[in-house]
Amino acid sequence: MRDIAAETLQRPLAPEVGVRPGMLPKEVKILKDKNDKAVLTLPGFERPSGLEAEAIFGSRHPGGPVKRERALEPAIYAASALAGLFCCSTMHLVTVPVDVIKTRMQSANFAGRYSGLRSGLKKLWSEEGIEGVTMGWGPTLAGFSFYGITVYPGYELFKRSFAAMAGEANDALYHVPLVLAAGAAATAIACLGVCPAEVTRIRMVSNPGYAPSAFGVATRIVKEEGFFRGLYEGFSFVLARQVLFGMVKFLVFDMFASWIYSLIPILAEAQVTQLGVSLLSGAVAGVIATIVSQPADAVLTRMKDSESVDAATVISEIWKKAGPTGFFAGLGSRCVWAGAIIAGQFLLYEVCKGVLQITADDLALYLDVIGSIELGSGMAGLRG
């Protein structure tokens, strides 16, 4: 019999099947493909190659087996929250020095003090040492730990909920708006914890003599300005900043990663290349999300750098002093900060999901008729 390894219906022997040659019908032959993998071949099912095969059998489905996302159990949401906690807290802590410079470049108390990120970090280190470059790490850890715990499982929950409410046909038709809505809903919940932490961090960094510790800063803000006015007055701008950032981040990451995989499909076949795509897509998503959300970030920093000032006053002052460019002060530093954070977040998140077995393949059900045939039974089914 001629070698029909490349032209017949065949499938590499799955190691978990554990079928011995003696268990197979005599008509089924075990051959070696060009990669020296054992494959099953069935005589009489020759498939011509190239255009002739397309004419006879039709084109292959470009996306592989048909799949759909499966319903998630509480344990999967918990694992997603744990992965989000680790990736968000780790990356925000690593980039605290960049965040310090970005905040001070936007603050009225340090206007003109730092000309750029590199020179600013050098000056900060020489003047204030380790305390200066790590200033605000406590509120950063608290706020973005809450963010990681809520936003990643929240995104998975809302994405599936909105798609289910829209229906399969509308999900395909309005995928982008549904993804944006899921990102916005998850981020809005996360902002409940981020806002007071961010207000405390901004006051610490922009007014170092305000109180000796993060707890002291928060306590004094509440004492002088009240709980809601002091810690939540800027909630609308935190919400605007984080929701815009979160929406664009998730959307750009998904779209950019899909675009790369469509150009180079082989990148999806190995975990290392998948992590590389996540890293690159995260960096692009972080930079674009930063540009979109920068004006809200600039206003929030000015509102909370020394004492609470209403948003209208801040916007008017920024416009009078610097015009439209004033709303993008510190953009370069924040792009570096956010690009590094989001790239690292998605990379660590993918690693954690792999460890916890909550990757995209783990969260999907596949209808693969040929691939899911159980030897000896001839039955096709779902594998997830």
Protein backbone atom coordinates (compact mmCIF):
# COMPACT_ATOMS: atom_id res chain seq x y z
CA MET A 1 0.00 0.00 0.00
CA ARG A 2 1.35 3.41 -0.93
CA ASP A 3 2.18 5.83 1.80
CA ILE A 4 -1.00 7.86 2.15
CA ALA A 5 0.04 9.56 5.41
CA ALA A 6 -0.39 13.01 3.89
CA GLU A 7 -3.47 12.21 1.81
CA THR A 8 -5.80 10.10 3.93
CA LEU A 9 -8.01 10.76 6.87
CA GLN A 10 -5.64 10.32 9.75
CA ARG A 11 -4.89 11.56 13.22
CA PRO A 12 -1.82 11.34 15.47
CA LEU A 13 -2.31 8.73 18.14
CA ALA A 14 -3.19 10.54 21.36
CA PRO A 15 -0.92 9.28 24.15
CA GLU A 16 -3.82 9.17 26.61
CA VAL A 17 -5.77 6.70 24.42
CA GLY A 18 -3.29 3.93 25.12
CA VAL A 19 -4.43 1.74 22.20
CA ARG A 20 -2.16 -1.13 21.26
CA PRO A 21 -1.84 -2.22 17.60
CA GLY A 22 -3.42 -5.57 18.43
CA MET A 23 -6.61 -3.83 19.53
CA LEU A 24 -7.17 -2.16 16.14
CA PRO A 25 -9.14 -3.61 13.23
CA LYS A 26 -6.82 -5.11 10.62
CA GLU A 27 -7.96 -2.54 8.04
CA VAL A 28 -6.49 0.30 10.10
CA LYS A 29 -2.79 0.78 9.53
CA ILE A 30 -0.31 2.61 11.73
CA LEU A 31 2.22 4.60 9.72
CA LYS A 32 4.74 7.31 10.46
CA ASP A 33 4.21 10.83 9.20
CA LYS A 34 7.02 13.19 8.13
CA ASN A 35 7.52 14.22 11.77
CA ASP A 36 7.94 10.57 12.79
CA LYS A 37 4.63 10.58 14.66
CA ALA A 38 2.39 7.51 14.63
CA VAL A 39 -0.82 8.09 12.66
CA LEU A 40 -3.83 5.98 11.81
CA THR A 41 -4.62 5.54 8.13
CA LEU A 42 -7.78 4.08 6.64
CA PRO A 43 -7.46 2.76 3.06
CA GLY A 44 -10.12 3.95 0.65
CA PHE A 45 -10.31 7.44 2.05
CA GLU A 46 -7.58 9.02 -0.02
CA ARG A 47 -7.75 12.81 -0.09
CA PRO A 48 -6.08 14.48 -3.07
CA SER A 49 -3.84 17.40 -2.21
CA GLY A 50 -4.01 21.03 -3.26
CA LEU A 51 -6.72 22.58 -5.43
CA GLU A 52 -8.11 19.19 -6.46
CA ALA A 53 -8.95 18.45 -2.83
CA GLU A 54 -10.68 21.80 -2.52
CA ALA A 55 -12.85 21.04 -5.56
CA ILE A 56 -13.86 17.59 -4.33
CA PHE A 57 -14.20 18.04 -0.61
CA GLY A 58 -14.52 21.82 -0.19
CA SER A 59 -12.19 24.05 1.80
CA ARG A 60 -11.22 23.27 5.37
CA HIS A 61 -12.72 25.43 8.12
CA PRO A 62 -10.15 28.20 8.76
CA GLY A 63 -10.75 28.36 12.47
CA GLY A 64 -10.32 24.67 13.25
CA PRO A 65 -12.90 22.82 15.33
CA VAL A 66 -16.11 24.65 16.21
CA LYS A 67 -16.00 25.82 19.80
CA ARG A 68 -17.97 27.76 22.38
CA GLU A 69 -17.11 29.08 25.81
CA ARG A 70 -18.35 26.91 28.62
CA ALA A 71 -20.14 28.05 31.74
CA LEU A 72 -17.69 28.86 34.53
CA GLU A 73 -17.85 27.43 38.01
CA PRO A 74 -17.07 29.48 41.17
CA ALA A 75 -13.70 27.73 41.43
CA ILE A 76 -12.68 29.07 38.01
CA TYR A 77 -13.66 32.62 38.96
CA ALA A 78 -11.67 32.21 42.18
CA ALA A 79 -8.64 31.03 40.21
CA SER A 80 -9.02 33.97 37.83
CA ALA A 81 -9.18 36.36 40.81
CA LEU A 82 -6.02 34.83 42.24
CA ALA A 83 -4.22 35.20 38.92
CA GLY A 84 -5.44 38.81 38.64
CA LEU A 85 -4.29 39.59 42.18
CA PHE A 86 -0.79 38.30 41.48
CA CYS A 87 -0.28 39.95 38.09
CA CYS A 88 -1.72 43.37 39.02
CA SER A 89 -0.05 43.75 42.41
CA THR A 90 3.31 42.56 41.09
CA MET A 91 3.45 44.84 38.06
CA HIS A 92 2.17 47.94 39.85
CA LEU A 93 4.73 47.50 42.61
CA VAL A 94 7.56 47.08 40.08
CA THR A 95 6.62 50.33 38.32
CA VAL A 96 6.06 52.52 41.41
CA PRO A 97 9.12 54.74 40.66
CA VAL A 98 7.78 55.58 37.20
CA ASP A 99 4.38 56.33 38.73
CA VAL A 100 5.99 58.74 41.20
CA ILE A 101 7.60 60.76 38.40
CA LYS A 102 4.42 60.74 36.30
CA THR A 103 2.34 62.02 39.22
CA ARG A 104 4.79 64.77 40.12
CA MET A 105 5.05 65.94 36.53
CA GLN A 106 1.28 66.46 36.63
CA SER A 107 1.23 68.06 40.10
CA ALA A 108 1.17 71.82 40.61
CA ASN A 109 3.49 71.40 43.61
CA PHE A 110 6.28 70.05 41.37
CA ALA A 111 5.61 72.05 38.20
CA GLY A 112 8.77 72.18 36.08
CA ARG A 113 10.75 70.09 38.58
CA TYR A 114 11.21 67.08 36.31
CA SER A 115 11.86 67.39 32.59
CA GLY A 116 11.51 63.73 31.69
CA LEU A 117 11.32 60.18 32.95
CA ARG A 118 15.00 59.25 32.91
CA SER A 119 16.32 62.53 34.31
CA GLY A 120 13.43 62.63 36.77
CA LEU A 121 14.21 59.19 38.18
CA LYS A 122 17.88 60.12 38.51
CA LYS A 123 17.03 63.36 40.31
CA LEU A 124 14.47 61.66 42.55
CA TRP A 125 16.99 59.03 43.60
CA SER A 126 19.74 61.58 44.33
CA GLU A 127 17.43 63.81 46.37
CA GLU A 128 15.17 61.37 48.21
CA GLY A 129 16.79 57.95 47.87
CA ILE A 130 14.87 54.71 48.25
CA GLU A 131 12.03 56.40 50.12
CA GLY A 132 11.41 58.69 47.17
CA VAL A 133 11.35 56.06 44.43
CA THR A 134 9.09 53.74 46.47
CA MET A 135 6.74 56.43 47.74
CA GLY A 136 3.09 55.37 47.70
CA TRP A 137 3.75 51.64 47.35
CA GLY A 138 1.31 50.78 50.17
CA PRO A 139 -1.80 52.38 48.62
CA THR A 140 -0.69 51.09 45.22
CA LEU A 141 -0.55 47.52 46.52
CA ALA A 142 -3.91 47.81 48.28
CA GLY A 143 -5.75 49.48 45.42
CA PHE A 144 -4.52 47.33 42.58
CA SER A 145 -4.75 44.11 44.53
CA PHE A 146 -8.46 44.86 44.78
CA TYR A 147 -8.42 45.77 41.10
CA GLY A 148 -6.87 42.45 40.10
CA ILE A 149 -9.21 40.42 42.29
CA THR A 150 -12.30 42.04 40.79
CA VAL A 151 -11.59 43.12 37.23
CA TYR A 152 -10.31 39.87 35.66
CA PRO A 153 -13.00 37.48 36.93
CA GLY A 154 -15.51 40.32 36.48
CA TYR A 155 -14.53 40.66 32.83
CA GLU A 156 -14.99 36.93 32.24
CA LEU A 157 -18.36 37.02 34.01
CA PHE A 158 -19.74 40.08 32.22
CA LYS A 159 -18.41 39.00 28.82
CA ARG A 160 -20.26 35.71 29.06
CA SER A 161 -23.37 37.27 30.59
CA PHE A 162 -23.66 39.97 27.92
CA ALA A 163 -23.03 37.45 25.13
CA ALA A 164 -25.71 35.14 26.55
CA MET A 165 -28.22 38.01 26.77
CA ALA A 166 -27.41 39.13 23.22
CA GLY A 167 -27.59 35.63 21.75
CA GLU A 168 -25.03 33.88 19.55
CA ALA A 169 -25.93 35.73 16.36
CA ASN A 170 -25.79 39.16 18.00
CA ASP A 171 -22.62 38.23 19.86
CA ALA A 172 -20.86 37.69 16.53
CA LEU A 173 -22.37 40.85 15.08
CA TYR A 174 -21.74 43.14 18.06
CA HIS A 175 -18.65 41.52 19.54
CA VAL A 176 -16.70 44.77 19.97
CA PRO A 177 -19.43 46.66 21.87
CA LEU A 178 -20.03 43.63 24.08
CA VAL A 179 -16.34 43.34 24.92
CA LEU A 180 -16.21 47.08 25.69
CA ALA A 181 -19.28 46.82 27.90
CA ALA A 182 -17.81 43.86 29.80
CA GLY A 183 -14.55 45.71 30.38
CA ALA A 184 -16.41 48.82 31.54
CA ALA A 185 -18.67 46.94 33.95
CA ALA A 186 -15.78 45.02 35.54
CA THR A 187 -13.65 48.15 35.85
CA ALA A 188 -16.46 50.18 37.42
CA ILE A 189 -16.66 47.67 40.27
CA ALA A 190 -12.87 47.65 40.65
CA CYS A 191 -12.85 51.45 40.97
CA LEU A 192 -14.67 51.24 44.31
CA GLY A 193 -11.41 50.02 45.83
CA VAL A 194 -8.99 51.83 43.52
CA CYS A 195 -10.36 55.33 44.14
CA PRO A 196 -9.53 55.81 47.87
CA ALA A 197 -6.17 54.10 47.39
CA GLU A 198 -5.31 56.32 44.43
CA VAL A 199 -6.36 59.50 46.25
CA THR A 200 -4.11 58.52 49.16
CA ARG A 201 -1.20 57.72 46.86
CA ILE A 202 -1.49 60.99 44.95
CA ARG A 203 -1.51 63.04 48.18
CA MET A 204 1.55 61.16 49.48
CA VAL A 205 3.56 61.63 46.28
CA SER A 206 2.58 65.21 45.45
CA ASN A 207 2.70 66.49 49.05
CA PRO A 208 5.38 64.45 50.90
CA GLY A 209 5.04 66.37 54.17
CA TYR A 210 1.30 65.80 54.45
CA ALA A 211 1.59 62.77 56.78
CA PRO A 212 4.32 60.24 57.63
CA SER A 213 2.49 57.12 56.39
CA ALA A 214 -0.23 55.98 54.04
CA PHE A 215 -2.59 55.34 56.92
CA GLY A 216 -1.81 58.78 58.32
CA VAL A 217 -2.51 60.39 54.93
CA ALA A 218 -5.87 58.63 54.58
CA THR A 219 -6.82 59.44 58.17
CA ARG A 220 -6.01 63.14 57.77
CA ILE A 221 -7.91 63.36 54.47
CA VAL A 222 -11.00 61.86 56.11
CA LYS A 223 -10.63 64.11 59.18
CA GLU A 224 -10.25 67.34 57.20
CA GLU A 225 -12.45 66.67 54.18
CA GLY A 226 -14.81 63.88 55.20
CA PHE A 227 -14.87 60.28 54.01
CA PHE A 228 -16.77 60.61 50.74
CA ARG A 229 -15.60 64.11 49.80
CA GLY A 230 -12.01 63.34 50.66
CA LEU A 231 -11.63 59.82 49.31
CA TYR A 232 -14.41 59.61 46.70
CA GLU A 233 -14.86 63.15 45.37
CA GLY A 234 -12.64 62.28 42.44
CA PHE A 235 -14.48 59.01 41.84
CA SER A 236 -15.98 60.22 38.58
CA PHE A 237 -12.51 60.90 37.17
CA VAL A 238 -11.07 57.67 38.55
CA LEU A 239 -14.04 55.95 36.96
CA ALA A 240 -13.55 57.77 33.66
CA ARG A 241 -9.82 57.07 33.66
CA GLN A 242 -10.04 53.41 34.64
CA VAL A 243 -13.13 52.58 32.58
CA LEU A 244 -11.64 54.13 29.45
CA PHE A 245 -8.35 52.45 30.20
CA GLY A 246 -9.95 49.08 30.96
CA MET A 247 -12.26 49.10 27.94
CA VAL A 248 -9.50 49.98 25.50
CA LYS A 249 -7.02 47.66 27.21
CA PHE A 250 -9.15 44.54 26.87
CA LEU A 251 -10.38 45.42 23.38
CA VAL A 252 -6.96 46.28 21.92
CA PHE A 253 -5.36 43.25 23.56
CA ASP A 254 -7.97 40.87 22.11
CA MET A 255 -7.93 42.46 18.66
CA PHE A 256 -4.15 42.86 18.39
CA ALA A 257 -3.49 39.30 19.58
CA SER A 258 -6.09 37.94 17.14
CA TRP A 259 -4.51 39.97 14.33
CA ILE A 260 -1.05 38.55 15.07
CA TYR A 261 -2.39 34.99 15.18
CA SER A 262 -4.20 35.54 11.88
CA LEU A 263 -0.93 36.67 10.28
CA ILE A 264 1.24 33.96 11.86
CA PRO A 265 -1.02 31.07 13.00
CA ILE A 266 1.93 28.93 14.08
CA LEU A 267 2.48 31.28 17.05
CA ALA A 268 -0.62 29.81 18.69
CA GLU A 269 0.84 26.31 18.76
CA ALA A 270 3.50 26.77 21.46
CA GLN A 271 3.16 28.19 24.95
CA VAL A 272 6.33 30.26 24.65
CA THR A 273 5.14 32.04 21.51
CA GLN A 274 1.69 32.53 23.03
CA LEU A 275 3.31 34.29 25.99
CA GLY A 276 5.32 36.42 23.59
CA VAL A 277 2.15 37.47 21.78
CA SER A 278 0.52 38.29 25.13
CA LEU A 279 3.52 40.42 26.10
CA LEU A 280 3.53 42.39 22.85
CA SER A 281 -0.26 42.76 22.74
CA GLY A 282 -0.28 43.95 26.35
CA ALA A 283 2.33 46.62 25.64
CA VAL A 284 0.37 47.93 22.64
CA ALA A 285 -2.88 47.85 24.62
CA GLY A 286 -1.29 49.71 27.54
CA VAL A 287 0.06 52.54 25.38
CA ILE A 288 -3.19 53.07 23.45
CA ALA A 289 -5.29 52.89 26.63
CA THR A 290 -2.98 55.47 28.24
CA ILE A 291 -3.43 57.98 25.45
CA VAL A 292 -7.22 57.65 25.61
CA SER A 293 -7.43 58.00 29.40
CA GLN A 294 -4.67 60.59 29.98
CA PRO A 295 -6.86 63.74 30.31
CA ALA A 296 -8.90 62.19 33.13
CA ASP A 297 -5.67 61.15 34.88
CA ALA A 298 -4.24 64.68 34.64
CA VAL A 299 -7.39 66.24 36.10
CA LEU A 300 -7.55 63.70 38.95
CA THR A 301 -3.93 64.37 39.95
CA ARG A 302 -4.48 68.14 40.10
CA MET A 303 -7.70 67.65 42.07
CA LYS A 304 -5.97 65.68 44.81
CA ASP A 305 -2.32 66.83 44.87
CA SER A 306 -2.60 69.19 47.89
CA GLU A 307 -6.23 69.54 48.89
CA SER A 308 -9.50 68.76 47.25
CA VAL A 309 -10.37 71.13 44.41
CA ASP A 310 -13.48 70.80 42.28
CA ALA A 311 -13.10 69.44 38.78
CA ALA A 312 -14.37 72.54 36.98
CA THR A 313 -11.71 74.71 38.63
CA VAL A 314 -8.96 72.25 37.80
CA ILE A 315 -10.01 71.93 34.15
CA SER A 316 -10.17 75.72 33.82
CA GLU A 317 -6.71 76.19 35.37
CA ILE A 318 -5.10 73.53 33.17
CA TRP A 319 -6.65 75.03 30.05
CA LYS A 320 -5.56 78.60 30.92
CA LYS A 321 -1.97 77.64 31.77
CA ALA A 322 -1.17 75.11 29.08
CA GLY A 323 -4.12 74.69 26.75
CA PRO A 324 -4.96 71.22 25.39
CA THR A 325 -1.39 69.98 25.95
CA GLY A 326 -1.84 70.46 29.71
CA PHE A 327 -4.20 67.50 29.80
CA PHE A 328 -1.42 65.30 28.43
CA ALA A 329 1.33 66.30 30.87
CA GLY A 330 3.41 63.26 31.80
CA LEU A 331 2.03 61.26 28.87
CA GLY A 332 5.41 59.83 27.88
CA SER A 333 6.15 58.62 31.41
CA ARG A 334 2.68 57.18 31.78
CA CYS A 335 2.95 55.38 28.41
CA VAL A 336 6.15 53.70 29.58
CA TRP A 337 4.54 52.93 32.93
CA ALA A 338 1.31 51.59 31.48
CA GLY A 339 2.94 49.74 28.59
CA ALA A 340 5.21 47.89 31.00
CA ILE A 341 2.41 47.24 33.49
CA ILE A 342 -0.14 45.91 31.02
CA ALA A 343 2.40 43.84 29.10
CA GLY A 344 3.59 42.31 32.36
CA GLN A 345 0.05 41.89 33.64
CA PHE A 346 -1.14 39.92 30.64
CA LEU A 347 2.08 37.88 30.56
CA LEU A 348 1.83 36.96 34.25
CA TYR A 349 -1.92 36.45 33.92
CA GLU A 350 -1.41 33.97 31.08
CA VAL A 351 1.27 32.17 33.09
CA CYS A 352 -1.00 31.99 36.14
CA LYS A 353 -3.92 30.78 34.05
CA GLY A 354 -1.74 28.04 32.64
CA VAL A 355 -0.64 26.98 36.12
CA LEU A 356 -4.23 27.08 37.40
CA GLN A 357 -5.57 25.43 34.20
CA ILE A 358 -7.92 28.25 33.22
CA THR A 359 -6.52 29.03 29.77
CA ALA A 360 -8.77 29.77 26.78
CA ASP A 361 -8.65 26.10 25.74
CA ASP A 362 -9.62 25.05 29.28
CA LEU A 363 -12.61 27.41 29.20
CA ALA A 364 -13.95 26.22 25.85
CA LEU A 365 -15.87 23.24 24.52
CA TYR A 366 -14.85 21.90 21.11
CA LEU A 367 -16.94 20.04 18.56
CA ASP A 368 -14.25 18.15 16.66
CA VAL A 369 -15.91 15.24 14.87
CA ILE A 370 -12.76 13.63 13.48
CA GLY A 371 -10.56 14.53 16.43
CA SER A 372 -12.94 13.33 19.10
CA ILE A 373 -13.57 9.84 17.70
CA GLU A 374 -12.91 7.28 20.40
CA LEU A 375 -11.15 4.29 18.94
CA GLY A 376 -13.25 1.16 19.17
CA SER A 377 -16.55 3.04 19.58
CA GLY A 378 -16.72 5.26 16.50
CA MET A 379 -18.57 7.90 18.55
CA ALA A 380 -17.92 11.65 18.23
CA GLY A 381 -18.47 14.02 21.10
CA LEU A 382 -17.46 17.09 22.94
CA ARG A 383 -14.12 17.54 24.59
CA GLY A 384 -13.35 20.52 26.78
